[in-house]
Amino acid sequence: MLKISHNIPFGSGGNRICYRHPHHADRCLKVLRQDRTPELRRKEKKFPSNLRPLKYFDENLVELEVLNHLNTNYPEAIRRHIPQSFGMIETDLGLAHSTSLISDSDGLISQTLEQYIWKHGLDAAAERSIENFKDDWSIQPPPTRDLIPHNLVIKNLGDEMRLILIDGLGRKPRSANRWTAFTSRKRYQRRMKDFDQRIQLILHRKTTNTGPTERLNNLKRNLAETIPEA
């Protein structure tokens, strides 16, 4: 069992808290928040959604399945924009999903696209990374949820900036049929239209200084080295 409860998380989301792996600096551990357990999330739902099994409400199990599916069945153009899964690991905070920790070439944890735009604006590097992401994603669009800028990080590789989708990956498709390609294309167009609108909203908030400060200040990028186990 890995002991991580005394370590400092580098970020958190609506359902999970993220820690750097104590033995692998290039991996992170995502643990479920105690106020967002599968049991509590299911209780929030109404009939018939509250009849679904608990695993349906476990963000880690859902992400594990979809990442394995995408990394096994989708082309490299898609895989370059998603993390790799290293499976579930037992910790003193419960089961954690271990995935790639997205870091820049200088070793610092990559910023979310929202944070980057808030700091630098929509500069040429960010615009190129967005266009490259759209081009790659269009090849075989996965059935993701809405593409939200704080669920994408912008990885600085030195010679390029690359968008990585770290959350909101959706679910593994149940089956493929003759309508799959058509619906995927329509979903892709809708997702990208909404994505562009969200970026414009960030730029507006930046101009008016009305940004979501909790999300903007959430990430602790200075944890460039592995935090020793307590």
Protein backbone atom coordinates (compact mmCIF):
# COMPACT_ATOMS: atom_id res chain seq x y z
CA MET A 1 0.00 0.00 0.00
CA LEU A 2 1.33 3.41 -0.96
CA LYS A 3 1.21 6.09 1.72
CA ILE A 4 0.26 9.42 0.20
CA SER A 5 -2.05 10.97 2.81
CA HIS A 6 0.73 13.19 4.21
CA ASN A 7 1.85 14.34 0.76
CA ILE A 8 0.68 17.54 -0.87
CA PRO A 9 -1.73 17.12 -3.79
CA PHE A 10 -0.83 19.12 -6.86
CA GLY A 11 -4.43 19.60 -7.96
CA SER A 12 -8.05 18.59 -7.49
CA GLY A 13 -11.22 18.37 -9.51
CA GLY A 14 -14.90 17.97 -8.83
CA ASN A 15 -14.61 14.29 -7.94
CA ARG A 16 -10.92 13.51 -7.39
CA ILE A 17 -7.68 14.73 -5.83
CA CYS A 18 -4.37 14.33 -7.69
CA TYR A 19 -1.03 13.37 -6.17
CA ARG A 20 2.36 12.73 -7.72
CA HIS A 21 3.32 9.06 -7.49
CA PRO A 22 5.93 8.73 -4.71
CA HIS A 23 8.07 6.32 -6.77
CA HIS A 24 7.41 7.46 -10.35
CA ALA A 25 7.80 11.19 -10.95
CA ASP A 26 6.14 10.89 -14.37
CA ARG A 27 2.91 9.41 -12.98
CA CYS A 28 0.05 10.76 -10.94
CA LEU A 29 -2.40 9.11 -8.57
CA LYS A 30 -6.04 10.15 -8.68
CA VAL A 31 -8.05 9.33 -5.57
CA LEU A 32 -11.75 9.85 -5.07
CA ARG A 33 -12.83 12.73 -2.86
CA GLN A 34 -14.58 11.57 0.30
CA ASP A 35 -17.46 13.95 -0.38
CA ARG A 36 -17.86 12.55 -3.91
CA THR A 37 -17.86 8.79 -3.39
CA PRO A 38 -19.81 6.58 -5.82
CA GLU A 39 -22.40 5.98 -3.09
CA LEU A 40 -22.97 9.71 -2.56
CA ARG A 41 -23.02 10.46 -6.28
CA ARG A 42 -25.60 7.74 -6.89
CA LYS A 43 -27.82 9.12 -4.11
CA GLU A 44 -27.92 12.44 -5.95
CA LYS A 45 -29.51 10.82 -8.97
CA LYS A 46 -33.20 10.28 -9.57
CA PHE A 47 -34.96 7.19 -10.83
CA PRO A 48 -33.97 5.32 -12.97
CA SER A 49 -30.36 6.60 -12.93
CA ASN A 50 -30.04 5.70 -9.23
CA LEU A 51 -30.48 2.02 -10.14
CA ARG A 52 -27.19 1.86 -11.99
CA PRO A 53 -24.35 -0.12 -10.36
CA LEU A 54 -21.83 1.77 -8.20
CA LYS A 55 -19.02 1.30 -10.72
CA TYR A 56 -20.95 3.58 -13.07
CA PHE A 57 -20.38 6.44 -10.59
CA ASP A 58 -16.71 5.65 -9.89
CA GLU A 59 -14.72 8.19 -11.89
CA ASN A 60 -11.55 6.14 -11.61
CA LEU A 61 -13.06 2.91 -12.95
CA VAL A 62 -14.76 4.76 -15.80
CA GLU A 63 -11.50 6.51 -16.73
CA LEU A 64 -9.49 3.28 -16.49
CA GLU A 65 -11.81 1.55 -18.95
CA VAL A 66 -11.99 4.37 -21.47
CA LEU A 67 -8.24 5.13 -21.46
CA ASN A 68 -7.41 1.48 -22.05
CA HIS A 69 -9.97 1.39 -24.86
CA LEU A 70 -8.67 4.55 -26.53
CA ASN A 71 -5.01 3.59 -26.23
CA THR A 72 -5.74 0.15 -27.67
CA ASN A 73 -8.18 0.94 -30.45
CA TYR A 74 -7.55 4.51 -31.61
CA PRO A 75 -4.81 5.88 -33.92
CA GLU A 76 -1.66 7.60 -32.73
CA ALA A 77 -3.15 10.98 -33.67
CA ILE A 78 -5.66 10.49 -30.84
CA ARG A 79 -3.33 8.74 -28.38
CA ARG A 80 -0.85 11.62 -28.44
CA HIS A 81 -3.53 13.78 -26.81
CA ILE A 82 -4.49 11.49 -23.92
CA PRO A 83 -2.64 10.07 -20.89
CA GLN A 84 -1.65 6.45 -20.44
CA SER A 85 -3.23 4.35 -17.71
CA PHE A 86 -1.06 2.29 -15.35
CA GLY A 87 -4.00 0.67 -13.57
CA MET A 88 -5.46 0.88 -10.10
CA ILE A 89 -3.17 1.11 -7.05
CA GLU A 90 -4.05 0.72 -3.39
CA THR A 91 -3.15 3.72 -1.23
CA ASP A 92 -3.92 4.82 2.32
CA LEU A 93 -6.54 7.13 0.78
CA GLY A 94 -8.26 4.32 -1.07
CA LEU A 95 -7.86 2.94 -4.58
CA ALA A 96 -6.16 5.37 -6.94
CA HIS A 97 -6.00 5.43 -10.70
CA SER A 98 -2.40 5.84 -11.85
CA THR A 99 -1.97 7.75 -15.12
CA SER A 100 0.69 9.74 -16.92
CA LEU A 101 1.58 12.99 -15.18
CA ILE A 102 1.73 15.60 -17.93
CA SER A 103 4.79 17.81 -17.46
CA ASP A 104 6.63 20.37 -19.55
CA SER A 105 10.15 19.95 -20.88
CA ASP A 106 11.47 21.81 -17.81
CA GLY A 107 9.90 19.25 -15.45
CA LEU A 108 7.10 21.49 -14.19
CA ILE A 109 3.56 20.13 -14.26
CA SER A 110 1.79 21.41 -17.36
CA GLN A 111 -0.80 24.16 -16.95
CA THR A 112 -4.40 23.73 -17.94
CA LEU A 113 -5.35 25.49 -21.15
CA GLU A 114 -7.55 27.80 -19.08
CA GLN A 115 -4.64 28.80 -16.85
CA TYR A 116 -2.32 29.27 -19.83
CA ILE A 117 -4.73 31.55 -21.70
CA TRP A 118 -5.41 33.50 -18.51
CA LYS A 119 -1.69 34.16 -18.13
CA HIS A 120 -0.53 34.48 -21.74
CA GLY A 121 -3.67 35.13 -23.72
CA LEU A 122 -4.44 33.23 -26.91
CA ASP A 123 -0.93 33.56 -28.30
CA ALA A 124 0.43 31.93 -31.45
CA ALA A 125 1.70 28.86 -29.59
CA ALA A 126 -1.69 28.22 -27.98
CA GLU A 127 -3.51 28.76 -31.28
CA ARG A 128 -1.27 26.24 -33.04
CA SER A 129 -1.76 23.67 -30.28
CA ILE A 130 -5.55 24.08 -30.52
CA GLU A 131 -5.57 23.73 -34.31
CA ASN A 132 -3.30 20.66 -34.15
CA PHE A 133 -5.59 19.12 -31.54
CA LYS A 134 -8.66 19.75 -33.69
CA ASP A 135 -6.98 18.24 -36.76
CA ASP A 136 -5.83 15.13 -34.91
CA TRP A 137 -9.11 14.70 -33.03
CA SER A 138 -11.10 14.86 -36.28
CA ILE A 139 -9.45 11.68 -37.62
CA GLN A 140 -11.51 9.42 -35.35
CA PRO A 141 -13.35 11.54 -32.78
CA PRO A 142 -13.75 9.68 -29.45
CA PRO A 143 -17.13 9.98 -27.67
CA THR A 144 -15.91 12.51 -25.11
CA ARG A 145 -17.93 14.78 -22.89
CA ASP A 146 -17.80 18.51 -23.53
CA LEU A 147 -14.26 19.73 -24.16
CA ILE A 148 -13.68 22.12 -21.27
CA PRO A 149 -10.40 24.14 -21.19
CA HIS A 150 -9.66 23.25 -17.56
CA ASN A 151 -9.81 19.54 -18.52
CA LEU A 152 -7.07 20.05 -21.11
CA VAL A 153 -3.44 20.76 -20.25
CA ILE A 154 -1.02 22.42 -22.65
CA LYS A 155 2.26 20.52 -22.62
CA ASN A 156 5.36 22.52 -23.53
CA LEU A 157 7.68 20.14 -25.38
CA GLY A 158 10.18 22.86 -26.24
CA ASP A 159 9.64 22.75 -29.99
CA GLU A 160 5.85 22.54 -29.80
CA MET A 161 2.89 22.89 -27.47
CA ARG A 162 0.49 19.94 -27.31
CA LEU A 163 -2.98 19.70 -25.78
CA ILE A 164 -3.65 16.65 -23.59
CA LEU A 165 -7.17 15.78 -22.46
CA ILE A 166 -6.83 14.67 -18.83
CA ASP A 167 -10.49 14.54 -17.78
CA GLY A 168 -13.96 14.40 -19.32
CA LEU A 169 -13.02 11.47 -21.54
CA GLY A 170 -16.55 10.09 -21.62
CA ARG A 171 -17.26 6.38 -21.68
CA LYS A 172 -16.26 3.43 -23.79
CA PRO A 173 -18.76 3.14 -26.67
CA ARG A 174 -21.10 0.19 -26.28
CA SER A 175 -20.95 -0.90 -29.91
CA ALA A 176 -20.26 0.35 -33.41
CA ASN A 177 -22.88 0.50 -36.13
CA ARG A 178 -23.43 2.16 -39.49
CA TRP A 179 -24.39 5.42 -37.79
CA THR A 180 -21.27 5.59 -35.60
CA ALA A 181 -19.13 7.55 -38.06
CA PHE A 182 -21.97 10.00 -38.77
CA THR A 183 -22.83 10.62 -35.11
CA SER A 184 -19.13 10.92 -34.23
CA ARG A 185 -18.68 13.60 -36.88
CA LYS A 186 -21.72 15.54 -35.72
CA ARG A 187 -20.62 15.26 -32.09
CA TYR A 188 -17.12 16.41 -33.05
CA GLN A 189 -18.49 19.52 -34.77
CA ARG A 190 -20.70 20.35 -31.81
CA ARG A 191 -17.91 19.76 -29.29
CA MET A 192 -15.48 22.00 -31.19
CA LYS A 193 -18.03 24.78 -31.58
CA ASP A 194 -18.68 24.74 -27.83
CA PHE A 195 -14.92 24.50 -27.18
CA ASP A 196 -14.28 27.69 -29.19
CA GLN A 197 -17.03 29.49 -27.28
CA ARG A 198 -15.48 28.48 -23.96
CA ILE A 199 -12.12 29.84 -25.05
CA GLN A 200 -13.75 33.14 -25.96
CA LEU A 201 -15.39 33.18 -22.53
CA ILE A 202 -11.97 32.80 -20.88
CA LEU A 203 -10.64 35.71 -22.93
CA HIS A 204 -13.63 37.80 -21.88
CA ARG A 205 -13.12 36.91 -18.21
CA LYS A 206 -9.44 37.72 -18.54
CA THR A 207 -10.28 41.14 -19.96
CA THR A 208 -12.86 41.87 -17.26
CA ASN A 209 -10.87 40.15 -14.48
CA THR A 210 -13.80 37.91 -13.53
CA GLY A 211 -12.12 34.53 -13.78
CA PRO A 212 -12.79 31.42 -11.65
CA THR A 213 -9.90 32.03 -9.25
CA GLU A 214 -10.21 28.68 -7.45
CA ARG A 215 -9.54 26.75 -10.65
CA LEU A 216 -6.87 29.18 -11.80
CA ASN A 217 -4.95 28.86 -8.54
CA ASN A 218 -5.60 25.16 -7.99
CA LEU A 219 -2.56 23.67 -9.73
CA LYS A 220 0.74 23.60 -7.82
CA ARG A 221 3.23 23.54 -10.69
CA ASN A 222 6.33 23.98 -8.53
CA LEU A 223 6.27 20.33 -7.43
CA ALA A 224 8.86 19.39 -10.01
CA GLU A 225 10.45 16.69 -7.86
CA THR A 226 8.90 13.61 -6.33
CA ILE A 227 7.58 14.24 -2.82
CA PRO A 228 9.10 11.69 -0.43
CA GLU A 229 6.76 9.20 1.16
CA ALA A 230 5.75 10.18 4.69
